[in-house]
Amino acid sequence: MTLGERIKLIRGEVSREKFSPMTGISKTTLVNYETGASSPTAEYLNKLLTMFPDINPSWLLTGEGELRREWVTVTKEIPNGFGRAKKLTFKIYPSFRQRLQKEMGGLDDRKPKWLAKESGVPIDTIIRFLLGEAIPTVDELIALSGALGVSEVWLAEGDNQKKSGSAVKEGDRSATDNIVSDTIKYVIGEVEDYFEKNYLHLPSNKKAELIWLLYEELSDNRIKKEELTVYVDRLLKLAI
């Protein structure tokens, strides 16, 4: 399999018209990359790996190994006071997003705004985690797990060992606990549909900011659900 064919495999069922602006290139350039007419730049390959953090870099570059890596490793060096540094390492599994959603959904009113306040992690970053568009750093993982009352290892890797004293009990969960909130789920769906239908692309951090703005507008009853797409259209036209 060629490098171009691997890029095409990552694109999947998404059309070239939609995928090319998402990755910051023209449709013609994408066609050239996929057909082998030209070689993708290192900058483009890095962008793909950033957008799809579960893609195995070795597979993308050489074709060796599996398409998706089982986890992403995050590491931080912590000074121990004796002139040496200890490495703190976690494996962030793709299921991190589901566990984060589950904990937030299972704690009554503990939604992104609450978690941002308690953890110090920005709201737009939390939403990117929930959308699967970003991987937490060691500091962010520690802050999130501390705010939620679960162990860092469980949140990252799902080893079933929660921190003692957690406010969450498995028996208290319902079938809807994995939903962060009906409103934010609705907003995410509407925004994604709007961008897809209009062939638009925003950097993930800007999209997260837009989603949170719309969520707050709906939550405070400043706009109605049926006005959401019109409101998005107005905001984007003002931005442009």
C-alpha atoms as a PDB file:
ATOM      1  CA  MET A   1       0.000   0.000   0.000  1.00  0.00           C
ATOM      2  CA  THR A   2       1.383   3.405  -0.995  1.00  0.00           C
ATOM      3  CA  LEU A   3       1.475   6.485   1.214  1.00  0.00           C
ATOM      4  CA  GLY A   4      -1.282   8.005  -0.910  1.00  0.00           C
ATOM      5  CA  GLU A   5      -3.455   4.946  -0.421  1.00  0.00           C
ATOM      6  CA  ARG A   6      -2.929   5.169   3.335  1.00  0.00           C
ATOM      7  CA  ILE A   7      -4.038   8.815   3.295  1.00  0.00           C
ATOM      8  CA  LYS A   8      -7.116   7.742   1.357  1.00  0.00           C
ATOM      9  CA  LEU A   9      -7.815   5.070   3.957  1.00  0.00           C
ATOM     10  CA  ILE A  10      -7.662   7.689   6.718  1.00  0.00           C
ATOM     11  CA  ARG A  11     -10.096   9.851   4.748  1.00  0.00           C
ATOM     12  CA  GLY A  12     -12.501   6.927   4.679  1.00  0.00           C
ATOM     13  CA  GLU A  13     -16.024   7.709   3.471  1.00  0.00           C
ATOM     14  CA  VAL A  14     -15.543  11.493   3.719  1.00  0.00           C
ATOM     15  CA  SER A  15     -15.525  13.104   0.271  1.00  0.00           C
ATOM     16  CA  ARG A  16     -12.430  14.882  -1.029  1.00  0.00           C
ATOM     17  CA  GLU A  17     -14.452  18.103  -1.174  1.00  0.00           C
ATOM     18  CA  LYS A  18     -15.023  17.920   2.578  1.00  0.00           C
ATOM     19  CA  PHE A  19     -11.729  16.354   3.654  1.00  0.00           C
ATOM     20  CA  SER A  20      -9.379  18.717   1.825  1.00  0.00           C
ATOM     21  CA  PRO A  21     -10.425  21.940   3.650  1.00  0.00           C
ATOM     22  CA  MET A  22     -10.498  20.020   6.924  1.00  0.00           C
ATOM     23  CA  THR A  23      -6.802  19.250   6.456  1.00  0.00           C
ATOM     24  CA  GLY A  24      -5.847  22.649   5.054  1.00  0.00           C
ATOM     25  CA  ILE A  25      -5.179  21.768   1.400  1.00  0.00           C
ATOM     26  CA  SER A  26      -7.050  22.022  -1.899  1.00  0.00           C
ATOM     27  CA  LYS A  27      -8.963  19.155  -3.461  1.00  0.00           C
ATOM     28  CA  THR A  28      -6.435  19.040  -6.312  1.00  0.00           C
ATOM     29  CA  THR A  29      -3.538  18.693  -3.879  1.00  0.00           C
ATOM     30  CA  LEU A  30      -5.362  15.907  -2.040  1.00  0.00           C
ATOM     31  CA  VAL A  31      -5.979  14.071  -5.317  1.00  0.00           C
ATOM     32  CA  ASN A  32      -2.265  14.373  -6.152  1.00  0.00           C
ATOM     33  CA  TYR A  33      -1.291  13.033  -2.740  1.00  0.00           C
ATOM     34  CA  GLU A  34      -3.681  10.086  -2.921  1.00  0.00           C
ATOM     35  CA  THR A  35      -2.780   9.121  -6.481  1.00  0.00           C
ATOM     36  CA  GLY A  36       0.958   9.548  -5.979  1.00  0.00           C
ATOM     37  CA  ALA A  37       1.258  12.399  -8.472  1.00  0.00           C
ATOM     38  CA  SER A  38       3.056  14.357  -5.761  1.00  0.00           C
ATOM     39  CA  SER A  39       4.416  13.573  -2.324  1.00  0.00           C
ATOM     40  CA  PRO A  40       2.710  14.986   0.790  1.00  0.00           C
ATOM     41  CA  THR A  41       4.744  17.459   2.784  1.00  0.00           C
ATOM     42  CA  ALA A  42       6.008  16.684   6.268  1.00  0.00           C
ATOM     43  CA  GLU A  43       3.793  19.510   7.536  1.00  0.00           C
ATOM     44  CA  TYR A  44       0.706  17.826   6.047  1.00  0.00           C
ATOM     45  CA  LEU A  45       1.551  14.425   7.506  1.00  0.00           C
ATOM     46  CA  ASN A  46       2.077  16.008  10.922  1.00  0.00           C
ATOM     47  CA  LYS A  47      -1.304  17.720  10.570  1.00  0.00           C
ATOM     48  CA  LEU A  48      -2.976  14.375   9.862  1.00  0.00           C
ATOM     49  CA  LEU A  49      -1.369  12.819  12.933  1.00  0.00           C
ATOM     50  CA  THR A  50      -2.480  15.790  15.027  1.00  0.00           C
ATOM     51  CA  MET A  51      -6.048  15.607  13.738  1.00  0.00           C
ATOM     52  CA  PHE A  52      -6.180  11.829  14.154  1.00  0.00           C
ATOM     53  CA  PRO A  53      -4.088  11.095  17.272  1.00  0.00           C
ATOM     54  CA  ASP A  54      -5.002   7.396  17.248  1.00  0.00           C
ATOM     55  CA  ILE A  55      -3.331   6.874  13.852  1.00  0.00           C
ATOM     56  CA  ASN A  56      -0.086   4.943  14.160  1.00  0.00           C
ATOM     57  CA  PRO A  57       2.713   7.227  12.810  1.00  0.00           C
ATOM     58  CA  SER A  58       4.803   4.235  11.762  1.00  0.00           C
ATOM     59  CA  TRP A  59       1.899   2.842   9.720  1.00  0.00           C
ATOM     60  CA  LEU A  60       1.262   6.191   8.028  1.00  0.00           C
ATOM     61  CA  LEU A  61       4.892   6.816   7.109  1.00  0.00           C
ATOM     62  CA  THR A  62       6.097   3.291   6.286  1.00  0.00           C
ATOM     63  CA  GLY A  63       3.049   1.044   6.096  1.00  0.00           C
ATOM     64  CA  GLU A  64       4.380  -1.104   8.947  1.00  0.00           C
ATOM     65  CA  GLY A  65       2.271  -2.067  11.939  1.00  0.00           C
ATOM     66  CA  GLU A  66      -1.439  -1.477  12.543  1.00  0.00           C
ATOM     67  CA  LEU A  67      -3.402   1.511  11.256  1.00  0.00           C
ATOM     68  CA  ARG A  68      -4.513   2.586  14.726  1.00  0.00           C
ATOM     69  CA  ARG A  69      -2.322   2.562  17.752  1.00  0.00           C
ATOM     70  CA  GLU A  70      -3.861   1.195  20.892  1.00  0.00           C
ATOM     71  CA  TRP A  71      -2.871   4.211  22.972  1.00  0.00           C
ATOM     72  CA  VAL A  72      -1.029   7.530  22.997  1.00  0.00           C
ATOM     73  CA  THR A  73       1.700   7.966  25.613  1.00  0.00           C
ATOM     74  CA  VAL A  74       2.022  11.260  27.499  1.00  0.00           C
ATOM     75  CA  THR A  75       5.033  11.905  29.723  1.00  0.00           C
ATOM     76  CA  LYS A  76       6.282  14.587  32.086  1.00  0.00           C
ATOM     77  CA  GLU A  77       9.562  14.805  33.961  1.00  0.00           C
ATOM     78  CA  ILE A  78       9.207  15.727  37.646  1.00  0.00           C
ATOM     79  CA  PRO A  79      12.312  16.841  39.632  1.00  0.00           C
ATOM     80  CA  ASN A  80      12.850  14.678  42.718  1.00  0.00           C
ATOM     81  CA  GLY A  81      15.026  17.167  44.606  1.00  0.00           C
ATOM     82  CA  PHE A  82      18.241  15.184  44.138  1.00  0.00           C
ATOM     83  CA  GLY A  83      19.273  16.577  40.773  1.00  0.00           C
ATOM     84  CA  ARG A  84      17.364  13.903  38.903  1.00  0.00           C
ATOM     85  CA  ALA A  85      13.969  13.850  37.272  1.00  0.00           C
ATOM     86  CA  LYS A  86      11.341  11.154  37.545  1.00  0.00           C
ATOM     87  CA  LYS A  87       9.251  10.403  34.490  1.00  0.00           C
ATOM     88  CA  LEU A  88       5.514  10.313  35.004  1.00  0.00           C
ATOM     89  CA  THR A  89       3.903   8.413  32.127  1.00  0.00           C
ATOM     90  CA  PHE A  90       0.329   7.543  31.217  1.00  0.00           C
ATOM     91  CA  LYS A  91      -1.145   5.674  28.285  1.00  0.00           C
ATOM     92  CA  ILE A  92      -4.182   7.546  26.948  1.00  0.00           C
ATOM     93  CA  TYR A  93      -6.513   5.005  25.367  1.00  0.00           C
ATOM     94  CA  PRO A  94      -9.179   6.029  22.809  1.00  0.00           C
ATOM     95  CA  SER A  95     -11.804   5.173  25.439  1.00  0.00           C
ATOM     96  CA  PHE A  96     -10.558   8.114  27.572  1.00  0.00           C
ATOM     97  CA  ARG A  97     -13.228  10.248  25.931  1.00  0.00           C
ATOM     98  CA  GLN A  98     -16.020   7.845  26.929  1.00  0.00           C
ATOM     99  CA  ARG A  99     -14.821   7.686  30.531  1.00  0.00           C
ATOM    100  CA  LEU A 100     -14.641  11.454  30.743  1.00  0.00           C
ATOM    101  CA  GLN A 101     -18.183  11.709  29.368  1.00  0.00           C
ATOM    102  CA  LYS A 102     -19.412   9.062  31.780  1.00  0.00           C
ATOM    103  CA  GLU A 103     -17.977  10.781  34.841  1.00  0.00           C
ATOM    104  CA  MET A 104     -19.330  14.174  33.850  1.00  0.00           C
ATOM    105  CA  GLY A 105     -22.751  12.748  33.013  1.00  0.00           C
ATOM    106  CA  GLY A 106     -22.930  10.776  36.239  1.00  0.00           C
ATOM    107  CA  LEU A 107     -22.334  13.705  38.551  1.00  0.00           C
ATOM    108  CA  ASP A 108     -25.650  15.517  38.230  1.00  0.00           C
ATOM    109  CA  ASP A 109     -24.853  19.098  37.280  1.00  0.00           C
ATOM    110  CA  ARG A 110     -21.138  18.596  36.705  1.00  0.00           C
ATOM    111  CA  LYS A 111     -20.814  19.724  33.131  1.00  0.00           C
ATOM    112  CA  PRO A 112     -17.931  21.326  31.149  1.00  0.00           C
ATOM    113  CA  LYS A 113     -18.246  24.693  32.884  1.00  0.00           C
ATOM    114  CA  TRP A 114     -18.088  23.063  36.317  1.00  0.00           C
ATOM    115  CA  LEU A 115     -15.169  20.842  35.322  1.00  0.00           C
ATOM    116  CA  ALA A 116     -13.249  23.791  33.856  1.00  0.00           C
ATOM    117  CA  LYS A 117     -13.664  25.717  37.100  1.00  0.00           C
ATOM    118  CA  GLU A 118     -12.687  22.779  39.322  1.00  0.00           C
ATOM    119  CA  SER A 119      -9.763  21.526  37.220  1.00  0.00           C
ATOM    120  CA  GLY A 120      -8.385  24.725  35.721  1.00  0.00           C
ATOM    121  CA  VAL A 121      -8.506  23.130  32.260  1.00  0.00           C
ATOM    122  CA  PRO A 122     -10.079  25.577  29.732  1.00  0.00           C
ATOM    123  CA  ILE A 123     -13.626  24.820  28.577  1.00  0.00           C
ATOM    124  CA  ASP A 124     -12.663  24.697  24.899  1.00  0.00           C
ATOM    125  CA  THR A 125      -9.971  22.124  25.702  1.00  0.00           C
ATOM    126  CA  ILE A 126     -12.451  19.952  27.624  1.00  0.00           C
ATOM    127  CA  ILE A 127     -14.866  20.053  24.700  1.00  0.00           C
ATOM    128  CA  ARG A 128     -12.066  19.022  22.340  1.00  0.00           C
ATOM    129  CA  PHE A 129     -11.467  16.021  24.622  1.00  0.00           C
ATOM    130  CA  LEU A 130     -15.174  15.165  24.475  1.00  0.00           C
ATOM    131  CA  LEU A 131     -15.120  15.430  20.671  1.00  0.00           C
ATOM    132  CA  GLY A 132     -12.037  13.218  20.474  1.00  0.00           C
ATOM    133  CA  GLU A 133     -10.015  16.014  18.863  1.00  0.00           C
ATOM    134  CA  ALA A 134      -7.302  16.293  21.515  1.00  0.00           C
ATOM    135  CA  ILE A 135      -5.279  14.205  23.971  1.00  0.00           C
ATOM    136  CA  PRO A 136      -4.703  15.494  27.530  1.00  0.00           C
ATOM    137  CA  THR A 137      -1.244  16.323  28.805  1.00  0.00           C
ATOM    138  CA  VAL A 138      -0.070  14.796  32.084  1.00  0.00           C
ATOM    139  CA  ASP A 139      -0.957  18.010  33.934  1.00  0.00           C
ATOM    140  CA  GLU A 140      -4.429  18.119  32.366  1.00  0.00           C
ATOM    141  CA  LEU A 141      -5.048  14.453  33.152  1.00  0.00           C
ATOM    142  CA  ILE A 142      -4.084  14.948  36.796  1.00  0.00           C
ATOM    143  CA  ALA A 143      -6.269  18.062  37.060  1.00  0.00           C
ATOM    144  CA  LEU A 144      -9.297  16.358  35.478  1.00  0.00           C
ATOM    145  CA  SER A 145      -9.040  13.198  37.567  1.00  0.00           C
ATOM    146  CA  GLY A 146      -8.618  15.251  40.736  1.00  0.00           C
ATOM    147  CA  ALA A 147     -11.739  17.284  39.993  1.00  0.00           C
ATOM    148  CA  LEU A 148     -13.770  14.169  39.166  1.00  0.00           C
ATOM    149  CA  GLY A 149     -12.472  12.137  42.115  1.00  0.00           C
ATOM    150  CA  VAL A 150     -11.098   9.236  40.072  1.00  0.00           C
ATOM    151  CA  SER A 151      -7.584   7.900  39.588  1.00  0.00           C
ATOM    152  CA  GLU A 152      -5.437   9.216  36.767  1.00  0.00           C
ATOM    153  CA  VAL A 153      -4.672   5.682  35.591  1.00  0.00           C
ATOM    154  CA  TRP A 154      -8.352   4.754  35.408  1.00  0.00           C
ATOM    155  CA  LEU A 155      -9.284   7.897  33.477  1.00  0.00           C
ATOM    156  CA  ALA A 156      -6.414   7.393  31.022  1.00  0.00           C
ATOM    157  CA  GLU A 157      -6.321   3.620  30.695  1.00  0.00           C
ATOM    158  CA  GLY A 158      -9.534   2.242  32.207  1.00  0.00           C
ATOM    159  CA  ASP A 159      -7.917  -0.208  34.622  1.00  0.00           C
ATOM    160  CA  ASN A 160     -11.088  -0.309  36.787  1.00  0.00           C
ATOM    161  CA  GLN A 161      -9.243   1.077  39.834  1.00  0.00           C
ATOM    162  CA  LYS A 162     -10.880   4.316  40.936  1.00  0.00           C
ATOM    163  CA  LYS A 163      -9.447   6.653  43.522  1.00  0.00           C
ATOM    164  CA  SER A 164     -10.767   5.939  47.031  1.00  0.00           C
ATOM    165  CA  GLY A 165     -13.389   8.367  48.184  1.00  0.00           C
ATOM    166  CA  SER A 166     -14.830   8.879  44.705  1.00  0.00           C
ATOM    167  CA  ALA A 167     -18.245  10.524  44.779  1.00  0.00           C
ATOM    168  CA  VAL A 168     -19.434   8.237  42.002  1.00  0.00           C
ATOM    169  CA  LYS A 169     -20.949   4.826  42.650  1.00  0.00           C
ATOM    170  CA  GLU A 170     -21.498   2.399  39.827  1.00  0.00           C
ATOM    171  CA  GLY A 171     -24.971   1.520  41.120  1.00  0.00           C
ATOM    172  CA  ASP A 172     -26.073   5.130  40.841  1.00  0.00           C
ATOM    173  CA  ARG A 173     -25.531   5.272  37.097  1.00  0.00           C
ATOM    174  CA  SER A 174     -28.333   5.144  34.553  1.00  0.00           C
ATOM    175  CA  ALA A 175     -28.369   4.267  30.872  1.00  0.00           C
ATOM    176  CA  THR A 176     -27.934   7.940  29.986  1.00  0.00           C
ATOM    177  CA  ASP A 177     -24.871   8.620  32.126  1.00  0.00           C
ATOM    178  CA  ASN A 178     -22.585   8.709  29.105  1.00  0.00           C
ATOM    179  CA  ILE A 179     -24.358  11.795  27.795  1.00  0.00           C
ATOM    180  CA  VAL A 180     -22.701  14.997  28.939  1.00  0.00           C
ATOM    181  CA  SER A 181     -26.009  16.829  28.565  1.00  0.00           C
ATOM    182  CA  ASP A 182     -28.859  16.732  26.064  1.00  0.00           C
ATOM    183  CA  THR A 183     -28.272  20.361  25.154  1.00  0.00           C
ATOM    184  CA  ILE A 184     -24.567  20.150  24.415  1.00  0.00           C
ATOM    185  CA  LYS A 185     -25.067  16.882  22.529  1.00  0.00           C
ATOM    186  CA  TYR A 186     -27.707  18.638  20.410  1.00  0.00           C
ATOM    187  CA  VAL A 187     -25.405  21.619  19.780  1.00  0.00           C
ATOM    188  CA  ILE A 188     -22.485  19.398  18.736  1.00  0.00           C
ATOM    189  CA  GLY A 189     -24.708  17.507  16.289  1.00  0.00           C
ATOM    190  CA  GLU A 190     -26.155  20.682  14.757  1.00  0.00           C
ATOM    191  CA  VAL A 191     -22.745  22.346  14.373  1.00  0.00           C
ATOM    192  CA  GLU A 192     -21.193  19.253  12.784  1.00  0.00           C
ATOM    193  CA  ASP A 193     -24.138  18.956  10.354  1.00  0.00           C
ATOM    194  CA  TYR A 194     -23.929  22.660   9.491  1.00  0.00           C
ATOM    195  CA  PHE A 195     -20.213  22.477   8.733  1.00  0.00           C
ATOM    196  CA  GLU A 196     -20.615  19.309   6.683  1.00  0.00           C
ATOM    197  CA  LYS A 197     -23.501  20.662   4.590  1.00  0.00           C
ATOM    198  CA  ASN A 198     -21.710  23.944   3.917  1.00  0.00           C
ATOM    199  CA  TYR A 199     -18.235  22.432   3.349  1.00  0.00           C
ATOM    200  CA  LEU A 200     -16.795  24.580   6.121  1.00  0.00           C
ATOM    201  CA  HIS A 201     -13.836  24.028   8.406  1.00  0.00           C
ATOM    202  CA  LEU A 202     -12.720  25.668  11.629  1.00  0.00           C
ATOM    203  CA  PRO A 203      -9.663  24.833  13.740  1.00  0.00           C
ATOM    204  CA  SER A 204     -10.782  22.442  16.470  1.00  0.00           C
ATOM    205  CA  ASN A 205     -10.167  24.980  19.240  1.00  0.00           C
ATOM    206  CA  LYS A 206     -12.341  27.578  17.471  1.00  0.00           C
ATOM    207  CA  LYS A 207     -15.057  25.011  16.855  1.00  0.00           C
ATOM    208  CA  ALA A 208     -15.023  24.107  20.534  1.00  0.00           C
ATOM    209  CA  GLU A 209     -15.389  27.797  21.450  1.00  0.00           C
ATOM    210  CA  LEU A 210     -18.343  28.091  19.052  1.00  0.00           C
ATOM    211  CA  ILE A 211     -20.016  25.012  20.514  1.00  0.00           C
ATOM    212  CA  TRP A 212     -19.638  26.310  24.049  1.00  0.00           C
ATOM    213  CA  LEU A 213     -20.987  29.763  23.098  1.00  0.00           C
ATOM    214  CA  LEU A 214     -24.078  28.185  21.519  1.00  0.00           C
ATOM    215  CA  TYR A 215     -24.513  25.878  24.503  1.00  0.00           C
ATOM    216  CA  GLU A 216     -24.546  28.843  26.894  1.00  0.00           C
ATOM    217  CA  GLU A 217     -26.948  30.789  24.671  1.00  0.00           C
ATOM    218  CA  LEU A 218     -29.390  27.863  24.635  1.00  0.00           C
ATOM    219  CA  SER A 219     -28.965  27.115  28.341  1.00  0.00           C
ATOM    220  CA  ASP A 220     -29.749  30.731  29.227  1.00  0.00           C
ATOM    221  CA  ASN A 221     -32.750  30.728  26.842  1.00  0.00           C
ATOM    222  CA  ARG A 222     -31.286  33.598  24.812  1.00  0.00           C
ATOM    223  CA  ILE A 223     -31.930  31.612  21.634  1.00  0.00           C
ATOM    224  CA  LYS A 224     -34.237  28.713  20.789  1.00  0.00           C
ATOM    225  CA  LYS A 225     -33.206  25.376  19.296  1.00  0.00           C
ATOM    226  CA  GLU A 226     -34.942  26.132  16.015  1.00  0.00           C
ATOM    227  CA  GLU A 227     -32.876  29.349  15.743  1.00  0.00           C
ATOM    228  CA  LEU A 228     -29.535  27.620  16.236  1.00  0.00           C
ATOM    229  CA  THR A 229     -28.423  27.187  12.620  1.00  0.00           C
ATOM    230  CA  VAL A 230     -29.476  30.746  11.751  1.00  0.00           C
ATOM    231  CA  TYR A 231     -27.451  31.999  14.713  1.00  0.00           C
ATOM    232  CA  VAL A 232     -24.408  29.965  13.594  1.00  0.00           C
ATOM    233  CA  ASP A 233     -24.735  31.400  10.101  1.00  0.00           C
ATOM    234  CA  ARG A 234     -24.814  34.968  11.446  1.00  0.00           C
ATOM    235  CA  LEU A 235     -21.802  34.417  13.701  1.00  0.00           C
ATOM    236  CA  LEU A 236     -19.705  32.948  10.898  1.00  0.00           C
ATOM    237  CA  LYS A 237     -20.632  35.734   8.480  1.00  0.00           C
ATOM    238  CA  LEU A 238     -19.579  38.301  11.086  1.00  0.00           C
ATOM    239  CA  ALA A 239     -16.299  36.437  11.606  1.00  0.00           C
ATOM    240  CA  ILE A 240     -15.598  36.384   7.891  1.00  0.00           C
END
